[in-house]
Amino acid sequence: MDIQDFSGELSEEQLALLELMLAEEQLLTEDNAAQIQARPETARIPLAYAQARVWFLEQMYGSTGANNI
């Protein structure tokens, strides 16, 4: 988005506010991107309780299809 596109439609005060808002949005985006770390592919991800239940029933009764709804 280029601020010059709005220069004819907005007052100077509105343009200044728009620049400030865009700068803050850019800072927030950069901060969030820096904080998110990728999980190593070798790390084990725990199952949800529902997934663990399905696994357990599969181990006990085999692949019967009884859990398919």
Protein backbone atom coordinates (compact mmCIF):
# COMPACT_ATOMS: atom_id res chain seq x y z
CA MET A 1 0.00 0.00 0.00
CA ASP A 2 1.44 3.33 -1.03
CA ILE A 3 0.52 6.41 0.99
CA GLN A 4 0.80 8.56 -2.13
CA ASP A 5 -2.36 6.89 -3.44
CA PHE A 6 -4.34 8.65 -0.69
CA SER A 7 -2.62 12.04 -0.84
CA GLY A 8 -5.43 13.72 -2.80
CA GLU A 9 -8.24 12.33 -0.65
CA LEU A 10 -6.89 12.79 2.89
CA SER A 11 -5.88 15.81 4.93
CA GLU A 12 -2.31 16.17 6.18
CA GLU A 13 -3.42 15.13 9.65
CA GLN A 14 -5.11 12.01 8.29
CA LEU A 15 -2.01 11.17 6.22
CA ALA A 16 0.20 11.52 9.30
CA LEU A 17 -2.14 9.24 11.24
CA LEU A 18 -2.15 6.71 8.39
CA GLU A 19 1.67 6.71 8.27
CA LEU A 20 1.79 6.16 12.03
CA MET A 21 -0.71 3.30 11.88
CA LEU A 22 1.13 1.62 9.01
CA ALA A 23 4.46 1.97 10.85
CA GLU A 24 2.96 0.40 13.99
CA GLU A 25 1.46 -2.43 11.95
CA GLN A 26 4.83 -3.10 10.34
CA LEU A 27 6.53 -3.16 13.74
CA LEU A 28 3.96 -5.57 15.15
CA THR A 29 4.35 -7.86 12.16
CA GLU A 30 8.15 -7.88 12.48
CA ASP A 31 8.02 -8.52 16.24
CA ASN A 32 5.62 -11.44 15.87
CA ALA A 33 7.65 -12.98 13.07
CA ALA A 34 10.80 -12.81 15.18
CA GLN A 35 9.18 -14.56 18.16
CA ILE A 36 7.79 -17.58 16.33
CA GLN A 37 10.28 -20.43 16.23
CA ALA A 38 9.91 -23.49 14.05
CA ARG A 39 9.74 -26.79 15.89
CA PRO A 40 12.53 -29.19 14.94
CA GLU A 41 11.27 -31.97 12.70
CA THR A 42 12.74 -34.56 15.05
CA ALA A 43 10.66 -33.31 18.00
CA ARG A 44 7.75 -35.54 18.96
CA ILE A 45 4.38 -33.85 19.09
CA PRO A 46 2.03 -35.19 21.77
CA LEU A 47 -1.33 -36.58 20.71
CA ALA A 48 -4.58 -34.92 21.66
CA TYR A 49 -6.74 -36.92 24.08
CA ALA A 50 -9.13 -37.90 21.29
CA GLN A 51 -6.24 -39.12 19.15
CA ALA A 52 -4.78 -41.11 22.04
CA ARG A 53 -8.19 -42.71 22.65
CA VAL A 54 -8.51 -43.76 19.01
CA TRP A 55 -4.96 -45.17 19.07
CA PHE A 56 -5.68 -47.10 22.27
CA LEU A 57 -8.92 -48.60 20.92
CA GLU A 58 -7.16 -49.48 17.68
CA GLN A 59 -4.48 -51.34 19.66
CA MET A 60 -7.06 -53.24 21.72
CA TYR A 61 -9.66 -54.13 19.10
CA GLY A 62 -7.87 -53.73 15.80
CA SER A 63 -9.14 -51.89 12.79
CA THR A 64 -12.87 -52.60 13.08
CA GLY A 65 -14.20 -49.32 11.79
CA ALA A 66 -16.47 -49.03 14.84
CA ASN A 67 -15.20 -45.52 15.51
CA ASN A 68 -16.16 -44.26 12.07
CA ILE A 69 -19.19 -42.06 12.25
